[in-house]
Amino acid sequence: MPGLGHCYDGRPLRGAALFFAHFLFLAVLIISGVGLAYIAAAVLLLRPLIAWSASRAARTAGPPKPGRLRAILAFYVSGLILGFFLRWLVFPAVEVVGESMEPSLRDGDVAFADRYLHRLCPLSSGQVVVLDYPRVPGGRLVKRVAAVGGGEFSWDDRKTAVPPGQVFVLSDNRSRGPDSRFFGPIAVSAVKFRLLSVFWSWDRKTGRVRWNRIGLRI
C-alpha cells in the first residue's frame, strides 16, 4: 500500500502524504475520462516507484516499535476512511437497468459517477447524467443531456423552450424509457450524478461478463 513503508520507518506524515497524493492522482485520472488502459499504465508505473521508496525506508527501520505500530494502524484506518469517502461520497457506482440508453450504455453496465465535481461547471449537451424521475418519487433515470437552459430544442418537428436553470434530457434509445419528450425539461438541481466510465458490465440473462465494455468512457 502506498506510504506504508514510510509509516513503518516512523515517518507517518510522509507516508500519509504519499498515500493521499497517490489516490488523488488516480481520482483526477478518473474524472478526466481517460481510458482504463491509461489508468492501468499509470498504476503500473507508480507502484514500482512507491514500492522501491518504501523498501528503502523499511530496510533502515529495524524491528517495529509500539509507536510505529500505532502509526501503521492509523495509516490503515485513514485508508479505510479515504476509500469510503471516494467510493460512496465522491465516486459512487451506478448500475444501468433497462435498454433506454442502448447502444451507448447497456443493461448491466456499472459505471463510476461523479456526485459533486460536475456542479462546479455547467452541464453541457452530450453528458450522461442520473436524475430524479419527476413522476415517480424516489425514482432515478439515466439520460443524456440534449439541450441546456436558455434556448429551444427541436424534436419530431416540435420545438420546446428550455428555461434557464433547466435541461432537456433524452434516451439514446428513443423507443424505450421516458424522457423530457414526455415530462418536459427538468431543473439542473434534479441532476444527481454525471457518469464517467464503465468499470464493470455483465449480461443479466447469461450471467457472463462483457469484458470488452470494461473501461469504456461515457
Protein backbone atom coordinates (compact mmCIF):
# COMPACT_ATOMS: atom_id res chain seq x y z
CA MET A 1 0.00 0.00 0.00
CA PRO A 2 1.45 3.42 -0.92
CA GLY A 3 3.15 5.07 2.05
CA LEU A 4 3.08 2.08 4.39
CA GLY A 5 6.85 1.61 4.37
CA HIS A 6 7.33 5.21 5.42
CA CYS A 7 4.93 4.73 8.36
CA TYR A 8 6.92 1.64 9.36
CA ASP A 9 10.05 3.77 9.27
CA GLY A 10 8.47 6.17 11.77
CA ARG A 11 7.52 8.79 9.17
CA PRO A 12 3.70 8.71 9.27
CA LEU A 13 3.23 12.21 7.86
CA ARG A 14 5.35 11.42 4.80
CA GLY A 15 3.56 8.09 4.36
CA ALA A 16 0.12 9.66 4.68
CA ALA A 17 1.04 12.41 2.20
CA LEU A 18 2.24 9.84 -0.32
CA PHE A 19 -0.88 7.73 0.23
CA PHE A 20 -3.31 10.60 -0.34
CA ALA A 21 -1.33 12.00 -3.29
CA HIS A 22 -1.43 8.59 -4.97
CA PHE A 23 -5.20 8.25 -4.73
CA LEU A 24 -5.77 11.91 -5.57
CA PHE A 25 -3.80 11.38 -8.78
CA LEU A 26 -5.93 8.35 -9.67
CA ALA A 27 -9.11 10.31 -8.89
CA VAL A 28 -8.03 13.06 -11.29
CA LEU A 29 -7.44 10.45 -14.00
CA ILE A 30 -10.94 9.02 -13.46
CA ILE A 31 -12.55 12.47 -13.62
CA SER A 32 -10.65 13.36 -16.78
CA GLY A 33 -12.33 10.45 -18.56
CA VAL A 34 -9.15 8.82 -19.89
CA GLY A 35 -9.40 5.18 -20.83
CA LEU A 36 -8.87 2.32 -18.41
CA ALA A 37 -5.64 1.41 -20.21
CA TYR A 38 -4.09 4.78 -19.31
CA ILE A 39 -5.14 4.44 -15.67
CA ALA A 40 -3.68 0.92 -15.53
CA ALA A 41 -0.45 2.16 -17.12
CA ALA A 42 -0.21 4.96 -14.54
CA VAL A 43 -0.70 2.47 -11.70
CA LEU A 44 1.92 0.08 -13.15
CA LEU A 45 4.36 2.98 -13.41
CA LEU A 46 3.74 4.44 -9.96
CA ARG A 47 3.56 1.28 -7.86
CA PRO A 48 7.15 0.07 -8.50
CA LEU A 49 8.49 3.54 -7.68
CA ILE A 50 6.44 3.69 -4.47
CA ALA A 51 7.47 0.14 -3.52
CA TRP A 52 11.15 0.98 -4.11
CA SER A 53 10.88 4.07 -1.90
CA ALA A 54 9.03 2.10 0.79
CA SER A 55 11.58 -0.73 0.77
CA ARG A 56 14.41 1.74 1.28
CA ALA A 57 12.59 3.26 4.24
CA ALA A 58 11.71 -0.12 5.74
CA ARG A 59 15.26 -1.54 5.47
CA THR A 60 16.59 1.16 7.78
CA ALA A 61 13.71 0.97 10.26
CA GLY A 62 14.66 -2.07 12.34
CA PRO A 63 12.14 -4.02 14.43
CA PRO A 64 8.74 -2.33 14.76
CA LYS A 65 8.18 -0.35 17.93
CA PRO A 66 4.84 0.45 19.65
CA GLY A 67 4.86 3.96 18.21
CA ARG A 68 5.36 2.58 14.73
CA LEU A 69 2.58 0.05 15.17
CA ARG A 70 0.22 2.86 16.13
CA ALA A 71 1.30 4.82 13.07
CA ILE A 72 0.64 1.79 10.84
CA LEU A 73 -2.77 1.26 12.43
CA ALA A 74 -3.64 4.94 11.93
CA PHE A 75 -2.46 4.62 8.31
CA TYR A 76 -4.81 1.71 7.62
CA VAL A 77 -7.74 3.47 9.32
CA SER A 78 -7.13 6.58 7.20
CA GLY A 79 -7.07 4.36 4.12
CA LEU A 80 -10.46 2.89 5.01
CA ILE A 81 -11.87 6.38 5.57
CA LEU A 82 -10.49 7.60 2.24
CA GLY A 83 -11.85 4.55 0.45
CA PHE A 84 -15.30 5.10 1.93
CA PHE A 85 -15.14 8.80 1.04
CA LEU A 86 -14.19 8.17 -2.59
CA ARG A 87 -16.46 5.17 -3.12
CA TRP A 88 -19.68 6.35 -1.51
CA LEU A 89 -19.46 10.16 -1.33
CA VAL A 90 -17.45 11.26 -4.37
CA PHE A 91 -17.43 8.46 -6.98
CA PRO A 92 -20.38 6.15 -6.28
CA ALA A 93 -21.19 3.26 -8.61
CA VAL A 94 -24.32 3.43 -10.74
CA GLU A 95 -25.80 0.32 -12.35
CA VAL A 96 -27.71 0.76 -15.60
CA VAL A 97 -31.06 -1.04 -15.64
CA GLY A 98 -33.07 -1.32 -18.83
CA GLU A 99 -32.50 -0.62 -22.52
CA SER A 100 -33.29 3.10 -22.74
CA MET A 101 -29.62 4.11 -23.21
CA GLU A 102 -28.60 1.48 -25.76
CA PRO A 103 -26.31 1.22 -27.62
CA SER A 104 -24.04 3.58 -25.62
CA LEU A 105 -24.98 2.01 -22.28
CA ARG A 106 -26.34 -1.48 -21.88
CA ASP A 107 -28.41 -3.16 -19.21
CA GLY A 108 -25.96 -4.45 -16.60
CA ASP A 109 -23.29 -1.78 -17.11
CA VAL A 110 -21.87 -0.43 -13.83
CA ALA A 111 -20.23 2.97 -14.08
CA PHE A 112 -18.25 5.37 -11.93
CA ALA A 113 -20.29 8.50 -11.26
CA ASP A 114 -19.30 12.00 -10.23
CA ARG A 115 -21.51 13.17 -7.37
CA TYR A 116 -20.21 16.68 -6.67
CA LEU A 117 -17.48 17.86 -9.03
CA HIS A 118 -19.82 18.23 -12.02
CA ARG A 119 -21.59 21.02 -10.15
CA LEU A 120 -18.52 23.23 -10.40
CA CYS A 121 -19.12 23.76 -14.13
CA PRO A 122 -22.33 23.97 -16.18
CA LEU A 123 -23.84 20.86 -17.72
CA SER A 124 -23.33 20.55 -21.45
CA SER A 125 -25.03 18.68 -24.26
CA GLY A 126 -23.90 15.10 -24.66
CA GLN A 127 -23.22 14.35 -21.00
CA VAL A 128 -24.89 11.29 -19.49
CA VAL A 129 -26.45 12.00 -16.12
CA VAL A 130 -28.52 10.39 -13.40
CA LEU A 131 -31.56 12.44 -12.42
CA ASP A 132 -34.60 12.27 -10.21
CA TYR A 133 -37.62 10.88 -12.04
CA PRO A 134 -40.15 13.74 -11.76
CA ARG A 135 -43.17 11.42 -11.96
CA VAL A 136 -42.02 8.72 -9.52
CA PRO A 137 -40.95 9.84 -6.02
CA GLY A 138 -37.56 8.32 -5.23
CA GLY A 139 -37.10 7.07 -8.80
CA ARG A 140 -33.93 7.66 -10.81
CA LEU A 141 -33.28 7.78 -14.55
CA VAL A 142 -30.11 7.63 -16.67
CA LYS A 143 -30.39 10.05 -19.60
CA ARG A 144 -28.29 12.14 -21.97
CA VAL A 145 -28.38 15.95 -21.85
CA ALA A 146 -29.73 17.14 -25.21
CA ALA A 147 -30.06 20.86 -24.52
CA VAL A 148 -29.33 23.28 -21.69
CA GLY A 149 -31.43 26.19 -20.50
CA GLY A 150 -31.82 29.46 -22.32
CA GLY A 151 -32.76 28.20 -25.78
CA GLU A 152 -35.01 25.90 -27.76
CA PHE A 153 -34.78 22.24 -28.65
CA SER A 154 -36.39 20.68 -31.71
CA TRP A 155 -37.57 17.07 -31.79
CA ASP A 156 -40.05 15.29 -34.06
CA ASP A 157 -40.90 18.58 -35.80
CA ARG A 158 -41.68 20.19 -32.45
CA LYS A 159 -39.96 22.98 -30.59
CA THR A 160 -39.59 23.10 -26.85
CA ALA A 161 -38.30 26.12 -24.92
CA VAL A 162 -35.75 25.16 -22.29
CA PRO A 163 -35.93 27.71 -19.45
CA PRO A 164 -32.74 28.92 -17.74
CA GLY A 165 -31.66 26.59 -14.94
CA GLN A 166 -33.18 23.56 -16.66
CA VAL A 167 -32.03 20.88 -19.10
CA PHE A 168 -33.75 18.77 -21.74
CA VAL A 169 -32.79 15.09 -21.49
CA LEU A 170 -33.34 12.22 -23.90
CA SER A 171 -32.93 8.46 -24.05
CA ASP A 172 -30.38 7.22 -26.57
CA ASN A 173 -32.88 4.52 -27.47
CA ARG A 174 -35.85 6.80 -28.15
CA SER A 175 -38.34 3.92 -28.24
CA ARG A 176 -37.55 2.85 -24.68
CA GLY A 177 -37.93 4.77 -21.45
CA PRO A 178 -39.45 8.16 -20.55
CA ASP A 179 -37.52 11.37 -21.09
CA SER A 180 -38.14 15.11 -21.49
CA ARG A 181 -40.36 14.49 -24.51
CA PHE A 182 -42.91 13.24 -22.01
CA PHE A 183 -42.23 15.09 -18.74
CA GLY A 184 -40.57 18.25 -20.14
CA PRO A 185 -37.32 19.96 -19.14
CA ILE A 186 -36.04 19.32 -15.64
CA ALA A 187 -34.27 21.54 -13.13
CA VAL A 188 -30.49 21.28 -13.01
CA SER A 189 -30.85 20.58 -9.28
CA ALA A 190 -32.60 17.31 -10.18
CA VAL A 191 -29.37 16.03 -11.75
CA LYS A 192 -27.62 13.96 -9.09
CA PHE A 193 -24.66 12.34 -10.88
CA ARG A 194 -22.65 12.52 -14.08
CA LEU A 195 -21.46 9.17 -15.40
CA LEU A 196 -17.74 8.86 -16.17
CA SER A 197 -16.73 5.40 -17.32
CA VAL A 198 -17.86 1.77 -17.18
CA PHE A 199 -15.81 -0.32 -14.75
CA TRP A 200 -17.94 -3.48 -14.82
CA SER A 201 -20.51 -4.96 -17.17
CA TRP A 202 -22.43 -8.21 -17.18
CA ASP A 203 -25.29 -9.77 -19.10
CA ARG A 204 -28.18 -10.41 -16.73
CA LYS A 205 -29.62 -13.14 -18.92
CA THR A 206 -26.48 -15.24 -19.35
CA GLY A 207 -24.50 -14.04 -16.32
CA ARG A 208 -21.45 -13.51 -18.50
CA VAL A 209 -19.05 -10.61 -18.08
CA ARG A 210 -18.79 -8.21 -21.02
CA TRP A 211 -15.03 -7.73 -20.87
CA ASN A 212 -14.99 -5.51 -23.97
CA ARG A 213 -17.07 -2.86 -22.19
CA ILE A 214 -14.91 -2.50 -19.09
CA GLY A 215 -13.09 0.85 -19.20
CA LEU A 216 -15.49 2.34 -21.75
CA ARG A 217 -15.55 6.12 -21.48
CA ILE A 218 -19.04 7.61 -21.28
